[in-house]
Amino acid sequence: MESGTHHHPHLRERIREAGGIYEWANDVLIRIAGPAQLGDGPGAPCTHCGRTRVEHVERDGVLYCPEE
């Protein structure tokens, strides 16, 4: 092999080494887009008070707007 040249395995070999087409595609997407964002984030503002859901108080399974 000449100096400065790189050997890149064929796509079929890379897919097989990754564990199949799903795993290969998943690895490629994660490299491009980054890891999954877990959780639902702050969410949409409350229609009653305008604050996020995480600022609310839960009692008996019901969310209540935070006190002003």
PDB file of N, CA and C in Angstrom:
ATOM      1  N   MET A   1       0.844  -1.165   0.000  1.00  0.00           N
ATOM      2  CA  MET A   1       0.000   0.000   0.000  1.00  0.00           C
ATOM      3  C   MET A   1       0.892   1.231   0.000  1.00  0.00           C
ATOM      4  N   GLU A   2       0.517   2.236  -0.789  1.00  0.00           N
ATOM      5  CA  GLU A   2       1.308   3.443  -0.879  1.00  0.00           C
ATOM      6  C   GLU A   2       1.093   4.321   0.336  1.00  0.00           C
ATOM      7  N   SER A   3       2.121   5.097   0.654  1.00  0.00           N
ATOM      8  CA  SER A   3       2.017   6.015   1.770  1.00  0.00           C
ATOM      9  C   SER A   3       0.994   7.099   1.434  1.00  0.00           C
ATOM     10  N   GLY A   4       0.122   7.439   2.400  1.00  0.00           N
ATOM     11  CA  GLY A   4      -0.863   8.486   2.200  1.00  0.00           C
ATOM     12  C   GLY A   4      -2.202   7.983   1.697  1.00  0.00           C
ATOM     13  N   THR A   5      -2.301   6.717   1.327  1.00  0.00           N
ATOM     14  CA  THR A   5      -3.592   6.188   0.898  1.00  0.00           C
ATOM     15  C   THR A   5      -4.239   5.474   2.068  1.00  0.00           C
ATOM     16  N   HIS A   6      -5.537   5.524   2.125  1.00  0.00           N
ATOM     17  CA  HIS A   6      -6.282   4.900   3.214  1.00  0.00           C
ATOM     18  C   HIS A   6      -7.184   3.825   2.637  1.00  0.00           C
ATOM     19  N   HIS A   7      -7.297   2.736   3.373  1.00  0.00           N
ATOM     20  CA  HIS A   7      -8.210   1.670   2.970  1.00  0.00           C
ATOM     21  C   HIS A   7      -9.515   1.857   3.717  1.00  0.00           C
ATOM     22  N   HIS A   8     -10.600   2.078   2.981  1.00  0.00           N
ATOM     23  CA  HIS A   8     -11.927   2.195   3.575  1.00  0.00           C
ATOM     24  C   HIS A   8     -12.689   0.935   3.210  1.00  0.00           C
ATOM     25  N   PRO A   9     -13.174   0.195   4.207  1.00  0.00           N
ATOM     26  CA  PRO A   9     -13.933  -1.018   3.899  1.00  0.00           C
ATOM     27  C   PRO A   9     -15.191  -0.675   3.097  1.00  0.00           C
ATOM     28  N   HIS A  10     -15.609  -1.599   2.285  1.00  0.00           N
ATOM     29  CA  HIS A  10     -16.826  -1.419   1.510  1.00  0.00           C
ATOM     30  C   HIS A  10     -18.011  -1.274   2.454  1.00  0.00           C
ATOM     31  N   LEU A  11     -19.048  -0.645   1.964  1.00  0.00           N
ATOM     32  CA  LEU A  11     -20.242  -0.396   2.774  1.00  0.00           C
ATOM     33  C   LEU A  11     -20.802  -1.687   3.361  1.00  0.00           C
ATOM     34  N   ARG A  12     -20.838  -2.732   2.555  1.00  0.00           N
ATOM     35  CA  ARG A  12     -21.359  -4.016   3.031  1.00  0.00           C
ATOM     36  C   ARG A  12     -20.573  -4.517   4.240  1.00  0.00           C
ATOM     37  N   GLU A  13     -19.259  -4.351   4.219  1.00  0.00           N
ATOM     38  CA  GLU A  13     -18.420  -4.787   5.338  1.00  0.00           C
ATOM     39  C   GLU A  13     -18.675  -3.929   6.576  1.00  0.00           C
ATOM     40  N   ARG A  14     -18.824  -2.615   6.377  1.00  0.00           N
ATOM     41  CA  ARG A  14     -19.076  -1.726   7.515  1.00  0.00           C
ATOM     42  C   ARG A  14     -20.419  -2.046   8.157  1.00  0.00           C
ATOM     43  N   ILE A  15     -21.439  -2.343   7.344  1.00  0.00           N
ATOM     44  CA  ILE A  15     -22.758  -2.699   7.874  1.00  0.00           C
ATOM     45  C   ILE A  15     -22.673  -3.991   8.665  1.00  0.00           C
ATOM     46  N   ARG A  16     -21.989  -4.982   8.119  1.00  0.00           N
ATOM     47  CA  ARG A  16     -21.840  -6.269   8.803  1.00  0.00           C
ATOM     48  C   ARG A  16     -21.098  -6.093  10.128  1.00  0.00           C
ATOM     49  N   GLU A  17     -20.022  -5.301  10.118  1.00  0.00           N
ATOM     50  CA  GLU A  17     -19.241  -5.075  11.341  1.00  0.00           C
ATOM     51  C   GLU A  17     -20.041  -4.328  12.403  1.00  0.00           C
ATOM     52  N   ALA A  18     -20.963  -3.467  11.970  1.00  0.00           N
ATOM     53  CA  ALA A  18     -21.781  -2.693  12.912  1.00  0.00           C
ATOM     54  C   ALA A  18     -22.881  -3.536  13.539  1.00  0.00           C
ATOM     55  N   GLY A  19     -23.194  -4.687  12.975  1.00  0.00           N
ATOM     56  CA  GLY A  19     -24.232  -5.547  13.527  1.00  0.00           C
ATOM     57  C   GLY A  19     -25.514  -5.540  12.725  1.00  0.00           C
ATOM     58  N   GLY A  20     -25.480  -5.035  11.524  1.00  0.00           N
ATOM     59  CA  GLY A  20     -26.659  -5.031  10.668  1.00  0.00           C
ATOM     60  C   GLY A  20     -27.012  -3.631  10.205  1.00  0.00           C
ATOM     61  N   ILE A  21     -27.959  -3.560   9.291  1.00  0.00           N
ATOM     62  CA  ILE A  21     -28.319  -2.276   8.681  1.00  0.00           C
ATOM     63  C   ILE A  21     -28.903  -1.308   9.705  1.00  0.00           C
ATOM     64  N   TYR A  22     -29.735  -1.797  10.633  1.00  0.00           N
ATOM     65  CA  TYR A  22     -30.330  -0.907  11.629  1.00  0.00           C
ATOM     66  C   TYR A  22     -29.250  -0.283  12.505  1.00  0.00           C
ATOM     67  N   GLU A  23     -28.360  -1.097  13.029  1.00  0.00           N
ATOM     68  CA  GLU A  23     -27.293  -0.594  13.902  1.00  0.00           C
ATOM     69  C   GLU A  23     -26.383   0.368  13.156  1.00  0.00           C
ATOM     70  N   TRP A  24     -26.061   0.045  11.913  1.00  0.00           N
ATOM     71  CA  TRP A  24     -25.205   0.911  11.116  1.00  0.00           C
ATOM     72  C   TRP A  24     -25.874   2.264  10.893  1.00  0.00           C
ATOM     73  N   ALA A  25     -27.159   2.254  10.471  1.00  0.00           N
ATOM     74  CA  ALA A  25     -27.880   3.502  10.221  1.00  0.00           C
ATOM     75  C   ALA A  25     -28.003   4.312  11.511  1.00  0.00           C
ATOM     76  N   ASN A  26     -28.280   3.658  12.621  1.00  0.00           N
ATOM     77  CA  ASN A  26     -28.389   4.330  13.907  1.00  0.00           C
ATOM     78  C   ASN A  26     -27.069   4.998  14.284  1.00  0.00           C
ATOM     79  N   ASP A  27     -25.957   4.286  14.106  1.00  0.00           N
ATOM     80  CA  ASP A  27     -24.639   4.860  14.398  1.00  0.00           C
ATOM     81  C   ASP A  27     -24.369   6.092  13.543  1.00  0.00           C
ATOM     82  N   VAL A  28     -24.706   6.018  12.261  1.00  0.00           N
ATOM     83  CA  VAL A  28     -24.487   7.139  11.350  1.00  0.00           C
ATOM     84  C   VAL A  28     -25.339   8.336  11.776  1.00  0.00           C
ATOM     85  N   LEU A  29     -26.608   8.094  12.070  1.00  0.00           N
ATOM     86  CA  LEU A  29     -27.493   9.189  12.472  1.00  0.00           C
ATOM     87  C   LEU A  29     -27.044   9.838  13.774  1.00  0.00           C
ATOM     88  N   ILE A  30     -26.594   9.047  14.723  1.00  0.00           N
ATOM     89  CA  ILE A  30     -26.132   9.601  15.997  1.00  0.00           C
ATOM     90  C   ILE A  30     -24.891  10.457  15.775  1.00  0.00           C
ATOM     91  N   ARG A  31     -23.995  10.021  14.881  1.00  0.00           N
ATOM     92  CA  ARG A  31     -22.820  10.831  14.583  1.00  0.00           C
ATOM     93  C   ARG A  31     -23.209  12.161  13.951  1.00  0.00           C
ATOM     94  N   ILE A  32     -24.238  12.166  13.128  1.00  0.00           N
ATOM     95  CA  ILE A  32     -24.663  13.383  12.437  1.00  0.00           C
ATOM     96  C   ILE A  32     -25.493  14.271  13.356  1.00  0.00           C
ATOM     97  N   ALA A  33     -26.512  13.707  13.990  1.00  0.00           N
ATOM     98  CA  ALA A  33     -27.484  14.498  14.740  1.00  0.00           C
ATOM     99  C   ALA A  33     -27.196  14.591  16.233  1.00  0.00           C
ATOM    100  N   GLY A  34     -26.348  13.736  16.750  1.00  0.00           N
ATOM    101  CA  GLY A  34     -26.086  13.727  18.179  1.00  0.00           C
ATOM    102  C   GLY A  34     -27.034  12.769  18.885  1.00  0.00           C
ATOM    103  N   PRO A  35     -26.844  12.587  20.178  1.00  0.00           N
ATOM    104  CA  PRO A  35     -27.692  11.648  20.922  1.00  0.00           C
ATOM    105  C   PRO A  35     -29.122  12.159  21.059  1.00  0.00           C
ATOM    106  N   ALA A  36     -30.003  11.258  21.398  1.00  0.00           N
ATOM    107  CA  ALA A  36     -31.417  11.599  21.575  1.00  0.00           C
ATOM    108  C   ALA A  36     -31.585  12.560  22.741  1.00  0.00           C
ATOM    109  N   GLN A  37     -32.550  13.458  22.610  1.00  0.00           N
ATOM    110  CA  GLN A  37     -32.898  14.375  23.692  1.00  0.00           C
ATOM    111  C   GLN A  37     -33.944  13.680  24.552  1.00  0.00           C
ATOM    112  N   LEU A  38     -33.595  13.402  25.780  1.00  0.00           N
ATOM    113  CA  LEU A  38     -34.501  12.691  26.673  1.00  0.00           C
ATOM    114  C   LEU A  38     -35.380  13.664  27.430  1.00  0.00           C
ATOM    115  N   GLY A  39     -36.575  13.234  27.722  1.00  0.00           N
ATOM    116  CA  GLY A  39     -37.517  14.081  28.440  1.00  0.00           C
ATOM    117  C   GLY A  39     -38.282  14.967  27.478  1.00  0.00           C
ATOM    118  N   ASP A  40     -39.261  15.658  28.008  1.00  0.00           N
ATOM    119  CA  ASP A  40     -40.080  16.493  27.136  1.00  0.00           C
ATOM    120  C   ASP A  40     -39.721  17.964  27.230  1.00  0.00           C
ATOM    121  N   GLY A  41     -38.608  18.268  27.878  1.00  0.00           N
ATOM    122  CA  GLY A  41     -38.178  19.647  27.981  1.00  0.00           C
ATOM    123  C   GLY A  41     -39.158  20.468  28.804  1.00  0.00           C
ATOM    124  N   PRO A  42     -39.054  21.789  28.698  1.00  0.00           N
ATOM    125  CA  PRO A  42     -39.940  22.621  29.505  1.00  0.00           C
ATOM    126  C   PRO A  42     -41.390  22.545  29.047  1.00  0.00           C
ATOM    127  N   GLY A  43     -41.614  22.159  27.804  1.00  0.00           N
ATOM    128  CA  GLY A  43     -42.976  22.020  27.303  1.00  0.00           C
ATOM    129  C   GLY A  43     -43.614  23.359  26.991  1.00  0.00           C
ATOM    130  N   ALA A  44     -44.844  23.302  26.566  1.00  0.00           N
ATOM    131  CA  ALA A  44     -45.593  24.508  26.226  1.00  0.00           C
ATOM    132  C   ALA A  44     -46.001  25.219  27.515  1.00  0.00           C
ATOM    133  N   PRO A  45     -46.130  26.530  27.458  1.00  0.00           N
ATOM    134  CA  PRO A  45     -46.560  27.250  28.658  1.00  0.00           C
ATOM    135  C   PRO A  45     -47.998  26.901  29.028  1.00  0.00           C
ATOM    136  N   CYS A  46     -48.293  26.970  30.305  1.00  0.00           N
ATOM    137  CA  CYS A  46     -49.638  26.703  30.822  1.00  0.00           C
ATOM    138  C   CYS A  46     -50.611  27.735  30.249  1.00  0.00           C
ATOM    139  N   THR A  47     -51.783  27.283  29.872  1.00  0.00           N
ATOM    140  CA  THR A  47     -52.784  28.205  29.316  1.00  0.00           C
ATOM    141  C   THR A  47     -53.403  29.090  30.384  1.00  0.00           C
ATOM    142  N   HIS A  48     -53.250  28.712  31.664  1.00  0.00           N
ATOM    143  CA  HIS A  48     -53.847  29.501  32.741  1.00  0.00           C
ATOM    144  C   HIS A  48     -52.889  30.552  33.286  1.00  0.00           C
ATOM    145  N   CYS A  49     -51.628  30.149  33.535  1.00  0.00           N
ATOM    146  CA  CYS A  49     -50.702  31.081  34.179  1.00  0.00           C
ATOM    147  C   CYS A  49     -49.485  31.432  33.324  1.00  0.00           C
ATOM    148  N   GLY A  50     -49.247  30.680  32.238  1.00  0.00           N
ATOM    149  CA  GLY A  50     -48.129  30.984  31.355  1.00  0.00           C
ATOM    150  C   GLY A  50     -46.792  30.390  31.775  1.00  0.00           C
ATOM    151  N   ARG A  51     -46.754  29.699  32.902  1.00  0.00           N
ATOM    152  CA  ARG A  51     -45.510  29.092  33.373  1.00  0.00           C
ATOM    153  C   ARG A  51     -45.380  27.669  32.833  1.00  0.00           C
ATOM    154  N   THR A  52     -44.161  27.109  32.913  1.00  0.00           N
ATOM    155  CA  THR A  52     -43.932  25.751  32.411  1.00  0.00           C
ATOM    156  C   THR A  52     -44.495  24.719  33.374  1.00  0.00           C
ATOM    157  N   ARG A  53     -44.671  23.518  32.866  1.00  0.00           N
ATOM    158  CA  ARG A  53     -45.258  22.442  33.664  1.00  0.00           C
ATOM    159  C   ARG A  53     -44.421  22.107  34.890  1.00  0.00           C
ATOM    160  N   VAL A  54     -43.092  22.184  34.761  1.00  0.00           N
ATOM    161  CA  VAL A  54     -42.227  21.815  35.889  1.00  0.00           C
ATOM    162  C   VAL A  54     -42.348  22.789  37.058  1.00  0.00           C
ATOM    163  N   GLU A  55     -42.878  23.981  36.812  1.00  0.00           N
ATOM    164  CA  GLU A  55     -43.066  24.952  37.886  1.00  0.00           C
ATOM    165  C   GLU A  55     -44.362  24.720  38.664  1.00  0.00           C
ATOM    166  N   HIS A  56     -45.214  23.844  38.187  1.00  0.00           N
ATOM    167  CA  HIS A  56     -46.499  23.574  38.816  1.00  0.00           C
ATOM    168  C   HIS A  56     -46.361  22.604  39.984  1.00  0.00           C
ATOM    169  N   VAL A  57     -47.392  22.559  40.800  1.00  0.00           N
ATOM    170  CA  VAL A  57     -47.426  21.701  41.978  1.00  0.00           C
ATOM    171  C   VAL A  57     -48.400  20.565  41.695  1.00  0.00           C
ATOM    172  N   GLU A  58     -47.986  19.340  42.035  1.00  0.00           N
ATOM    173  CA  GLU A  58     -48.864  18.189  41.835  1.00  0.00           C
ATOM    174  C   GLU A  58     -49.437  17.742  43.170  1.00  0.00           C
ATOM    175  N   ARG A  59     -50.753  17.626  43.204  1.00  0.00           N
ATOM    176  CA  ARG A  59     -51.442  17.101  44.383  1.00  0.00           C
ATOM    177  C   ARG A  59     -52.490  16.108  43.911  1.00  0.00           C
ATOM    178  N   ASP A  60     -52.426  14.908  44.444  1.00  0.00           N
ATOM    179  CA  ASP A  60     -53.384  13.851  44.100  1.00  0.00           C
ATOM    180  C   ASP A  60     -53.467  13.607  42.602  1.00  0.00           C
ATOM    181  N   GLY A  61     -52.315  13.690  41.928  1.00  0.00           N
ATOM    182  CA  GLY A  61     -52.258  13.419  40.497  1.00  0.00           C
ATOM    183  C   GLY A  61     -52.737  14.556  39.613  1.00  0.00           C
ATOM    184  N   VAL A  62     -53.020  15.718  40.199  1.00  0.00           N
ATOM    185  CA  VAL A  62     -53.493  16.878  39.433  1.00  0.00           C
ATOM    186  C   VAL A  62     -52.449  17.988  39.546  1.00  0.00           C
ATOM    187  N   LEU A  63     -52.147  18.635  38.423  1.00  0.00           N
ATOM    188  CA  LEU A  63     -51.208  19.754  38.447  1.00  0.00           C
ATOM    189  C   LEU A  63     -51.951  21.048  38.743  1.00  0.00           C
ATOM    190  N   TYR A  64     -51.385  21.821  39.662  1.00  0.00           N
ATOM    191  CA  TYR A  64     -51.943  23.110  40.025  1.00  0.00           C
ATOM    192  C   TYR A  64     -50.947  24.207  39.692  1.00  0.00           C
ATOM    193  N   CYS A  65     -51.459  25.335  39.252  1.00  0.00           N
ATOM    194  CA  CYS A  65     -50.597  26.471  38.939  1.00  0.00           C
ATOM    195  C   CYS A  65     -49.859  26.907  40.197  1.00  0.00           C
ATOM    196  N   PRO A  66     -48.602  27.346  40.042  1.00  0.00           N
ATOM    197  CA  PRO A  66     -47.850  27.804  41.217  1.00  0.00           C
ATOM    198  C   PRO A  66     -48.464  29.094  41.758  1.00  0.00           C
ATOM    199  N   GLU A  67     -48.264  29.304  43.031  1.00  0.00           N
ATOM    200  CA  GLU A  67     -48.789  30.526  43.648  1.00  0.00           C
ATOM    201  C   GLU A  67     -47.954  31.704  43.177  1.00  0.00           C
ATOM    202  N   GLU A  68     -48.584  32.804  43.019  1.00  0.00           N
ATOM    203  CA  GLU A  68     -47.903  34.035  42.566  1.00  0.00           C
ATOM    204  C   GLU A  68     -47.017  34.581  43.641  1.00  0.00           C
TER     205      GLU A  68
END
